[in-house]
Amino acid sequence: MAKFNKDSVGGTITVVVLLSLVCALIVAGSAVLLKPTQEEQKALDKQKNILSVAGLLPQDTKSSEIKDIYAKNIEAKIVDLQTGEYVEGVTNFDAKAAAKDPEQSVKIQPEQDKAGIRTRAKYAEVYLVKDSENKVNQIVLPIYGTGLWSVMYGFVSVEPDANTIKGITFYDHGETPGLGGEIENPRWQQNFVGKKLQNEQGQSAIIVAKGASANKDHGIDGLSGATLTSKGVDGTFKYWFGENAFGPYLAKLKARAN
């Protein structure tokens, strides 16, 4: 049998290939082992953001407590955005994945695409926030839209009247720190509280722009030095609370409230 010469060109290539295979196996194994932990952390972060926008997350809340607070106060429901009705039997819904699946999504016409997202899932997961008497005291709705550099993901909490904003948060984005990144500043987000999502005709009415706060019902001043990010937030609200997204659902909620 020929002696293996690790110093030869062939030997060097063999060693490199073997090392690469070993490293690939280690990386693949780690990914498989860590996936459940990553999924659990992803779900925990989602629950944290929902509780935060609902005002149910005290500052000193431990990670181990989040799951219990969420289970006690939040009921997740799937909504058909076309009809505004709840859908039963849908489990493990992933809106991001569904938006990329032609069978689970709809294309948005350019003239309607105020949020700049091109497609959206047919369904959306919404979160009913309940009080100690099991009555719904707010509804948390997911939104997303394109800013200057990124897609901005957030939640909006709405009063039982299905129109008054109770809170907002943007939890994932890539906007410029100190400028567009100020969309995550609680002081700016506070400007949305008490504003009305729709006008008396049921049309999406939030305005985010320079000097818009003069409109006391619907206006929020845009971020200084971040015109395109502010425009993205404006378009995000206009799309998601219009007739082609959460509009039918909000109409159903209003009808039930009356």
C-alpha atoms as a PDB file:
ATOM      1  CA  MET A   1       0.000   0.000   0.000  1.00  0.00           C
ATOM      2  CA  ALA A   2       1.372   3.404  -0.950  1.00  0.00           C
ATOM      3  CA  LYS A   3       2.273   5.605   1.996  1.00  0.00           C
ATOM      4  CA  PHE A   4       0.023   8.679   2.457  1.00  0.00           C
ATOM      5  CA  ASN A   5       2.108  11.809   1.974  1.00  0.00           C
ATOM      6  CA  LYS A   6       0.329  14.713   3.590  1.00  0.00           C
ATOM      7  CA  ASP A   7       2.949  17.137   2.283  1.00  0.00           C
ATOM      8  CA  SER A   8       2.208  16.368  -1.359  1.00  0.00           C
ATOM      9  CA  VAL A   9      -0.308  18.355  -3.419  1.00  0.00           C
ATOM     10  CA  GLY A  10      -2.714  15.431  -3.358  1.00  0.00           C
ATOM     11  CA  GLY A  11      -2.237  14.988   0.355  1.00  0.00           C
ATOM     12  CA  THR A  12      -2.868  18.660   1.026  1.00  0.00           C
ATOM     13  CA  ILE A  13      -6.061  18.585  -1.024  1.00  0.00           C
ATOM     14  CA  THR A  14      -7.230  15.464   0.828  1.00  0.00           C
ATOM     15  CA  VAL A  15      -6.618  17.071   4.217  1.00  0.00           C
ATOM     16  CA  VAL A  16      -8.460  20.230   3.157  1.00  0.00           C
ATOM     17  CA  VAL A  17     -11.424  18.208   1.873  1.00  0.00           C
ATOM     18  CA  LEU A  18     -11.590  16.132   5.053  1.00  0.00           C
ATOM     19  CA  LEU A  19     -11.400  19.226   7.244  1.00  0.00           C
ATOM     20  CA  SER A  20     -14.121  20.881   5.182  1.00  0.00           C
ATOM     21  CA  LEU A  21     -16.372  17.854   5.554  1.00  0.00           C
ATOM     22  CA  VAL A  22     -15.810  17.746   9.303  1.00  0.00           C
ATOM     23  CA  CYS A  23     -16.528  21.491   9.641  1.00  0.00           C
ATOM     24  CA  ALA A  24     -19.651  21.167   7.479  1.00  0.00           C
ATOM     25  CA  LEU A  25     -20.912  18.314   9.646  1.00  0.00           C
ATOM     26  CA  ILE A  26     -20.263  20.334  12.810  1.00  0.00           C
ATOM     27  CA  VAL A  27     -22.054  23.422  11.428  1.00  0.00           C
ATOM     28  CA  ALA A  28     -25.005  21.383  10.146  1.00  0.00           C
ATOM     29  CA  GLY A  29     -25.290  19.518  13.431  1.00  0.00           C
ATOM     30  CA  SER A  30     -25.152  22.751  15.416  1.00  0.00           C
ATOM     31  CA  ALA A  31     -27.853  24.307  13.247  1.00  0.00           C
ATOM     32  CA  VAL A  32     -30.148  21.326  13.809  1.00  0.00           C
ATOM     33  CA  LEU A  33     -29.502  21.274  17.549  1.00  0.00           C
ATOM     34  CA  LEU A  34     -29.932  25.034  17.948  1.00  0.00           C
ATOM     35  CA  LYS A  35     -33.038  25.376  15.777  1.00  0.00           C
ATOM     36  CA  PRO A  36     -35.559  24.628  18.577  1.00  0.00           C
ATOM     37  CA  THR A  37     -33.848  27.202  20.799  1.00  0.00           C
ATOM     38  CA  GLN A  38     -33.838  29.773  18.005  1.00  0.00           C
ATOM     39  CA  GLU A  39     -37.527  29.172  17.265  1.00  0.00           C
ATOM     40  CA  GLU A  40     -38.377  29.490  20.944  1.00  0.00           C
ATOM     41  CA  GLN A  41     -36.459  32.764  21.198  1.00  0.00           C
ATOM     42  CA  LYS A  42     -38.164  34.067  18.058  1.00  0.00           C
ATOM     43  CA  ALA A  43     -41.593  33.305  19.542  1.00  0.00           C
ATOM     44  CA  LEU A  44     -40.567  34.907  22.844  1.00  0.00           C
ATOM     45  CA  ASP A  45     -39.442  38.107  21.091  1.00  0.00           C
ATOM     46  CA  LYS A  46     -42.758  38.253  19.234  1.00  0.00           C
ATOM     47  CA  GLN A  47     -44.726  37.828  22.449  1.00  0.00           C
ATOM     48  CA  LYS A  48     -42.578  40.484  24.129  1.00  0.00           C
ATOM     49  CA  ASN A  49     -43.310  43.032  21.387  1.00  0.00           C
ATOM     50  CA  ILE A  50     -47.039  42.308  21.466  1.00  0.00           C
ATOM     51  CA  LEU A  51     -47.167  42.689  25.244  1.00  0.00           C
ATOM     52  CA  SER A  52     -45.086  45.862  25.027  1.00  0.00           C
ATOM     53  CA  VAL A  53     -47.392  47.639  22.569  1.00  0.00           C
ATOM     54  CA  ALA A  54     -50.365  46.519  24.659  1.00  0.00           C
ATOM     55  CA  GLY A  55     -48.822  48.087  27.767  1.00  0.00           C
ATOM     56  CA  LEU A  56     -48.618  44.744  29.554  1.00  0.00           C
ATOM     57  CA  LEU A  57     -44.855  44.443  29.915  1.00  0.00           C
ATOM     58  CA  PRO A  58     -43.463  45.991  33.117  1.00  0.00           C
ATOM     59  CA  GLN A  59     -39.902  47.242  32.778  1.00  0.00           C
ATOM     60  CA  ASP A  60     -38.445  44.615  35.114  1.00  0.00           C
ATOM     61  CA  THR A  61     -40.231  41.653  33.524  1.00  0.00           C
ATOM     62  CA  LYS A  62     -38.021  38.571  33.257  1.00  0.00           C
ATOM     63  CA  SER A  63     -37.887  36.488  30.079  1.00  0.00           C
ATOM     64  CA  SER A  64     -39.230  33.520  32.011  1.00  0.00           C
ATOM     65  CA  GLU A  65     -42.383  35.507  32.852  1.00  0.00           C
ATOM     66  CA  ILE A  66     -43.241  36.682  29.333  1.00  0.00           C
ATOM     67  CA  LYS A  67     -44.807  33.410  28.198  1.00  0.00           C
ATOM     68  CA  ASP A  68     -47.125  33.297  31.214  1.00  0.00           C
ATOM     69  CA  ILE A  69     -48.215  36.937  30.861  1.00  0.00           C
ATOM     70  CA  TYR A  70     -48.893  36.377  27.162  1.00  0.00           C
ATOM     71  CA  ALA A  71     -50.921  33.203  27.762  1.00  0.00           C
ATOM     72  CA  LYS A  72     -52.987  34.924  30.428  1.00  0.00           C
ATOM     73  CA  ASN A  73     -53.845  38.064  28.438  1.00  0.00           C
ATOM     74  CA  ILE A  74     -53.555  37.402  24.691  1.00  0.00           C
ATOM     75  CA  GLU A  75     -55.653  35.350  22.280  1.00  0.00           C
ATOM     76  CA  ALA A  76     -54.258  35.033  18.763  1.00  0.00           C
ATOM     77  CA  LYS A  77     -56.741  34.789  15.878  1.00  0.00           C
ATOM     78  CA  ILE A  78     -56.333  34.409  12.116  1.00  0.00           C
ATOM     79  CA  VAL A  79     -58.238  36.879   9.934  1.00  0.00           C
ATOM     80  CA  ASP A  80     -59.125  36.637   6.255  1.00  0.00           C
ATOM     81  CA  LEU A  81     -58.192  40.129   5.094  1.00  0.00           C
ATOM     82  CA  GLN A  82     -60.618  40.055   2.171  1.00  0.00           C
ATOM     83  CA  THR A  83     -63.700  39.303   4.263  1.00  0.00           C
ATOM     84  CA  GLY A  84     -62.608  40.524   7.690  1.00  0.00           C
ATOM     85  CA  GLU A  85     -63.811  37.263   9.222  1.00  0.00           C
ATOM     86  CA  TYR A  86     -61.893  34.965  11.557  1.00  0.00           C
ATOM     87  CA  VAL A  87     -60.536  31.754  10.047  1.00  0.00           C
ATOM     88  CA  GLU A  88     -60.569  28.542  12.052  1.00  0.00           C
ATOM     89  CA  GLY A  89     -58.228  25.584  11.709  1.00  0.00           C
ATOM     90  CA  VAL A  90     -55.119  27.493  10.596  1.00  0.00           C
ATOM     91  CA  THR A  91     -52.083  26.666  12.752  1.00  0.00           C
ATOM     92  CA  ASN A  92     -48.439  27.754  12.761  1.00  0.00           C
ATOM     93  CA  PHE A  93     -49.254  30.678  10.476  1.00  0.00           C
ATOM     94  CA  ASP A  94     -46.194  32.555   9.161  1.00  0.00           C
ATOM     95  CA  ALA A  95     -47.170  35.784   7.385  1.00  0.00           C
ATOM     96  CA  LYS A  96     -43.694  36.356   5.918  1.00  0.00           C
ATOM     97  CA  ALA A  97     -43.562  32.897   4.378  1.00  0.00           C
ATOM     98  CA  ALA A  98     -47.167  33.111   3.169  1.00  0.00           C
ATOM     99  CA  ALA A  99     -46.496  36.450   1.449  1.00  0.00           C
ATOM    100  CA  LYS A 100     -43.893  34.685  -0.739  1.00  0.00           C
ATOM    101  CA  ASP A 101     -46.189  31.779  -1.619  1.00  0.00           C
ATOM    102  CA  PRO A 102     -48.389  32.484  -4.682  1.00  0.00           C
ATOM    103  CA  GLU A 103     -51.114  30.196  -3.313  1.00  0.00           C
ATOM    104  CA  GLN A 104     -51.223  31.950   0.064  1.00  0.00           C
ATOM    105  CA  SER A 105     -50.740  35.542  -1.044  1.00  0.00           C
ATOM    106  CA  VAL A 106     -52.200  38.285  -3.212  1.00  0.00           C
ATOM    107  CA  LYS A 107     -50.415  40.711  -5.480  1.00  0.00           C
ATOM    108  CA  ILE A 108     -51.010  44.348  -4.625  1.00  0.00           C
ATOM    109  CA  GLN A 109     -51.741  46.662  -7.529  1.00  0.00           C
ATOM    110  CA  PRO A 110     -49.133  49.445  -7.811  1.00  0.00           C
ATOM    111  CA  GLU A 111     -51.696  52.203  -7.295  1.00  0.00           C
ATOM    112  CA  GLN A 112     -52.835  50.520  -4.076  1.00  0.00           C
ATOM    113  CA  ASP A 113     -49.407  49.600  -2.743  1.00  0.00           C
ATOM    114  CA  LYS A 114     -48.863  52.552  -0.410  1.00  0.00           C
ATOM    115  CA  ALA A 115     -46.624  50.405   1.825  1.00  0.00           C
ATOM    116  CA  GLY A 116     -44.341  49.340  -1.029  1.00  0.00           C
ATOM    117  CA  ILE A 117     -44.566  45.617  -0.253  1.00  0.00           C
ATOM    118  CA  ARG A 118     -45.857  44.245  -3.604  1.00  0.00           C
ATOM    119  CA  THR A 119     -47.532  41.172  -2.087  1.00  0.00           C
ATOM    120  CA  ARG A 120     -49.131  40.212   1.208  1.00  0.00           C
ATOM    121  CA  ALA A 121     -50.500  37.061   2.767  1.00  0.00           C
ATOM    122  CA  LYS A 122     -54.220  36.411   2.335  1.00  0.00           C
ATOM    123  CA  TYR A 123     -54.501  36.051   6.092  1.00  0.00           C
ATOM    124  CA  ALA A 124     -53.120  37.960   9.070  1.00  0.00           C
ATOM    125  CA  GLU A 125     -52.644  36.978  12.675  1.00  0.00           C
ATOM    126  CA  VAL A 126     -54.205  39.453  15.115  1.00  0.00           C
ATOM    127  CA  TYR A 127     -54.068  39.509  18.889  1.00  0.00           C
ATOM    128  CA  LEU A 128     -57.042  40.079  21.173  1.00  0.00           C
ATOM    129  CA  VAL A 129     -55.991  41.572  24.513  1.00  0.00           C
ATOM    130  CA  LYS A 130     -58.341  40.588  27.327  1.00  0.00           C
ATOM    131  CA  ASP A 131     -58.896  41.963  30.816  1.00  0.00           C
ATOM    132  CA  SER A 132     -59.485  40.087  34.073  1.00  0.00           C
ATOM    133  CA  GLU A 133     -63.142  39.542  33.053  1.00  0.00           C
ATOM    134  CA  ASN A 134     -62.087  38.043  29.709  1.00  0.00           C
ATOM    135  CA  LYS A 135     -63.376  41.064  27.782  1.00  0.00           C
ATOM    136  CA  VAL A 136     -61.394  42.402  24.820  1.00  0.00           C
ATOM    137  CA  ASN A 137     -59.989  45.812  25.735  1.00  0.00           C
ATOM    138  CA  GLN A 138     -57.678  46.264  22.740  1.00  0.00           C
ATOM    139  CA  ILE A 139     -56.620  44.561  19.520  1.00  0.00           C
ATOM    140  CA  VAL A 140     -53.007  44.355  18.367  1.00  0.00           C
ATOM    141  CA  LEU A 141     -52.492  44.355  14.596  1.00  0.00           C
ATOM    142  CA  PRO A 142     -49.255  43.627  12.701  1.00  0.00           C
ATOM    143  CA  ILE A 143     -48.072  46.078  10.033  1.00  0.00           C
ATOM    144  CA  TYR A 144     -45.048  46.417   7.776  1.00  0.00           C
ATOM    145  CA  GLY A 145     -43.911  48.660   4.965  1.00  0.00           C
ATOM    146  CA  THR A 146     -40.855  49.914   3.122  1.00  0.00           C
ATOM    147  CA  GLY A 147     -38.877  52.857   4.515  1.00  0.00           C
ATOM    148  CA  LEU A 148     -35.694  54.416   3.135  1.00  0.00           C
ATOM    149  CA  TRP A 149     -33.405  51.400   3.561  1.00  0.00           C
ATOM    150  CA  SER A 150     -35.517  48.582   4.872  1.00  0.00           C
ATOM    151  CA  VAL A 151     -38.837  46.929   5.483  1.00  0.00           C
ATOM    152  CA  MET A 152     -40.152  48.231   8.812  1.00  0.00           C
ATOM    153  CA  TYR A 153     -42.098  45.757  10.951  1.00  0.00           C
ATOM    154  CA  GLY A 154     -44.369  46.890  13.745  1.00  0.00           C
ATOM    155  CA  PHE A 155     -47.521  46.451  15.767  1.00  0.00           C
ATOM    156  CA  VAL A 156     -50.423  48.820  16.347  1.00  0.00           C
ATOM    157  CA  SER A 157     -52.709  48.476  19.350  1.00  0.00           C
ATOM    158  CA  VAL A 158     -56.272  49.662  18.801  1.00  0.00           C
ATOM    159  CA  GLU A 159     -59.048  50.458  21.292  1.00  0.00           C
ATOM    160  CA  PRO A 160     -62.270  48.355  21.253  1.00  0.00           C
ATOM    161  CA  ASP A 161     -63.860  51.006  19.028  1.00  0.00           C
ATOM    162  CA  ALA A 162     -61.586  49.622  16.262  1.00  0.00           C
ATOM    163  CA  ASN A 163     -60.383  53.113  15.413  1.00  0.00           C
ATOM    164  CA  THR A 164     -58.485  54.809  18.243  1.00  0.00           C
ATOM    165  CA  ILE A 165     -54.774  54.060  18.501  1.00  0.00           C
ATOM    166  CA  LYS A 166     -53.694  52.876  21.937  1.00  0.00           C
ATOM    167  CA  GLY A 167     -50.017  52.317  21.101  1.00  0.00           C
ATOM    168  CA  ILE A 168     -47.545  51.496  18.325  1.00  0.00           C
ATOM    169  CA  THR A 169     -44.115  49.947  18.083  1.00  0.00           C
ATOM    170  CA  PHE A 170     -41.598  49.278  15.336  1.00  0.00           C
ATOM    171  CA  TYR A 171     -39.479  46.339  16.431  1.00  0.00           C
ATOM    172  CA  ASP A 172     -37.486  45.409  13.309  1.00  0.00           C
ATOM    173  CA  HIS A 173     -36.012  47.769  10.706  1.00  0.00           C
ATOM    174  CA  GLY A 174     -32.772  48.940   9.135  1.00  0.00           C
ATOM    175  CA  GLU A 175     -33.356  52.696   9.017  1.00  0.00           C
ATOM    176  CA  THR A 176     -30.549  55.193   9.714  1.00  0.00           C
ATOM    177  CA  PRO A 177     -29.707  55.457  13.442  1.00  0.00           C
ATOM    178  CA  GLY A 178     -30.539  58.901  14.827  1.00  0.00           C
ATOM    179  CA  LEU A 179     -32.703  59.764  11.806  1.00  0.00           C
ATOM    180  CA  GLY A 180     -35.166  57.223  10.399  1.00  0.00           C
ATOM    181  CA  GLY A 181     -34.196  54.922  13.241  1.00  0.00           C
ATOM    182  CA  GLU A 182     -36.159  57.229  15.523  1.00  0.00           C
ATOM    183  CA  ILE A 183     -39.304  55.342  14.535  1.00  0.00           C
ATOM    184  CA  GLU A 184     -38.500  53.149  17.534  1.00  0.00           C
ATOM    185  CA  ASN A 185     -38.229  56.126  19.887  1.00  0.00           C
ATOM    186  CA  PRO A 186     -41.064  55.833  22.464  1.00  0.00           C
ATOM    187  CA  ARG A 187     -41.445  59.618  22.572  1.00  0.00           C
ATOM    188  CA  TRP A 188     -42.209  59.766  18.852  1.00  0.00           C
ATOM    189  CA  GLN A 189     -44.435  56.691  19.004  1.00  0.00           C
ATOM    190  CA  GLN A 190     -46.427  58.372  21.774  1.00  0.00           C
ATOM    191  CA  ASN A 191     -47.629  60.941  19.214  1.00  0.00           C
ATOM    192  CA  PHE A 192     -49.835  58.243  17.661  1.00  0.00           C
ATOM    193  CA  VAL A 193     -51.742  57.509  20.852  1.00  0.00           C
ATOM    194  CA  GLY A 194     -55.334  58.765  20.671  1.00  0.00           C
ATOM    195  CA  LYS A 195     -55.242  59.357  16.898  1.00  0.00           C
ATOM    196  CA  LYS A 196     -57.958  57.866  14.695  1.00  0.00           C
ATOM    197  CA  LEU A 197     -57.002  55.272  12.077  1.00  0.00           C
ATOM    198  CA  GLN A 198     -59.950  56.076   9.827  1.00  0.00           C
ATOM    199  CA  ASN A 199     -62.188  59.017   9.073  1.00  0.00           C
ATOM    200  CA  GLU A 200     -65.975  59.029   9.374  1.00  0.00           C
ATOM    201  CA  GLN A 201     -66.284  57.437   5.931  1.00  0.00           C
ATOM    202  CA  GLY A 202     -64.181  54.460   7.037  1.00  0.00           C
ATOM    203  CA  GLN A 203     -61.188  55.466   4.936  1.00  0.00           C
ATOM    204  CA  SER A 204     -57.596  55.163   6.136  1.00  0.00           C
ATOM    205  CA  ALA A 205     -56.748  58.631   7.413  1.00  0.00           C
ATOM    206  CA  ILE A 206     -53.451  58.698   9.356  1.00  0.00           C
ATOM    207  CA  ILE A 207     -51.019  61.318   8.025  1.00  0.00           C
ATOM    208  CA  VAL A 208     -47.300  61.255   8.882  1.00  0.00           C
ATOM    209  CA  ALA A 209     -45.591  64.354   7.476  1.00  0.00           C
ATOM    210  CA  LYS A 210     -44.021  67.649   8.423  1.00  0.00           C
ATOM    211  CA  GLY A 211     -46.594  69.830  10.194  1.00  0.00           C
ATOM    212  CA  ALA A 212     -49.260  67.090  10.077  1.00  0.00           C
ATOM    213  CA  SER A 213     -49.985  67.343  13.809  1.00  0.00           C
ATOM    214  CA  ALA A 214     -52.197  70.352  13.001  1.00  0.00           C
ATOM    215  CA  ASN A 215     -54.735  67.665  12.113  1.00  0.00           C
ATOM    216  CA  LYS A 216     -55.618  66.702  15.688  1.00  0.00           C
ATOM    217  CA  ASP A 217     -57.518  63.525  14.779  1.00  0.00           C
ATOM    218  CA  HIS A 218     -55.201  61.943  12.246  1.00  0.00           C
ATOM    219  CA  GLY A 219     -51.907  63.845  11.969  1.00  0.00           C
ATOM    220  CA  ILE A 220     -48.428  63.013  13.292  1.00  0.00           C
ATOM    221  CA  ASP A 221     -45.390  65.156  12.573  1.00  0.00           C
ATOM    222  CA  GLY A 222     -42.775  63.320  10.508  1.00  0.00           C
ATOM    223  CA  LEU A 223     -39.279  62.666  11.798  1.00  0.00           C
ATOM    224  CA  SER A 224     -36.847  65.547  11.357  1.00  0.00           C
ATOM    225  CA  GLY A 225     -34.261  64.743   8.677  1.00  0.00           C
ATOM    226  CA  ALA A 226     -35.963  61.473   7.748  1.00  0.00           C
ATOM    227  CA  THR A 227     -38.512  62.428   5.106  1.00  0.00           C
ATOM    228  CA  LEU A 228     -38.445  59.104   3.229  1.00  0.00           C
ATOM    229  CA  THR A 229     -38.720  57.037   6.372  1.00  0.00           C
ATOM    230  CA  SER A 230     -41.660  59.173   7.506  1.00  0.00           C
ATOM    231  CA  LYS A 231     -43.219  58.738   4.085  1.00  0.00           C
ATOM    232  CA  GLY A 232     -42.779  54.978   4.481  1.00  0.00           C
ATOM    233  CA  VAL A 233     -44.565  55.014   7.842  1.00  0.00           C
ATOM    234  CA  ASP A 234     -47.327  57.151   6.323  1.00  0.00           C
ATOM    235  CA  GLY A 235     -47.762  54.681   3.450  1.00  0.00           C
ATOM    236  CA  THR A 236     -47.671  51.727   5.817  1.00  0.00           C
ATOM    237  CA  PHE A 237     -50.587  53.102   7.835  1.00  0.00           C
ATOM    238  CA  LYS A 238     -52.491  54.145   4.727  1.00  0.00           C
ATOM    239  CA  TYR A 239     -52.252  50.660   3.244  1.00  0.00           C
ATOM    240  CA  TRP A 240     -52.835  48.449   6.270  1.00  0.00           C
ATOM    241  CA  PHE A 241     -55.823  50.375   7.562  1.00  0.00           C
ATOM    242  CA  GLY A 242     -57.412  50.812   4.172  1.00  0.00           C
ATOM    243  CA  GLU A 243     -59.952  48.725   2.287  1.00  0.00           C
ATOM    244  CA  ASN A 244     -57.357  46.314   0.856  1.00  0.00           C
ATOM    245  CA  ALA A 245     -55.962  45.163   4.198  1.00  0.00           C
ATOM    246  CA  PHE A 246     -57.436  45.568   7.690  1.00  0.00           C
ATOM    247  CA  GLY A 247     -60.310  47.771   6.513  1.00  0.00           C
ATOM    248  CA  PRO A 248     -62.903  44.939   6.281  1.00  0.00           C
ATOM    249  CA  TYR A 249     -61.830  43.558   9.670  1.00  0.00           C
ATOM    250  CA  LEU A 250     -62.094  46.954  11.357  1.00  0.00           C
ATOM    251  CA  ALA A 251     -65.547  47.402   9.812  1.00  0.00           C
ATOM    252  CA  LYS A 252     -66.647  44.060  11.286  1.00  0.00           C
ATOM    253  CA  LEU A 253     -65.319  45.059  14.716  1.00  0.00           C
ATOM    254  CA  LYS A 254     -67.126  48.394  14.585  1.00  0.00           C
ATOM    255  CA  ALA A 255     -70.375  46.686  13.620  1.00  0.00           C
ATOM    256  CA  ARG A 256     -70.071  44.282  16.549  1.00  0.00           C
ATOM    257  CA  ALA A 257     -69.275  47.134  18.935  1.00  0.00           C
ATOM    258  CA  ASN A 258     -72.491  48.888  17.862  1.00  0.00           C
END
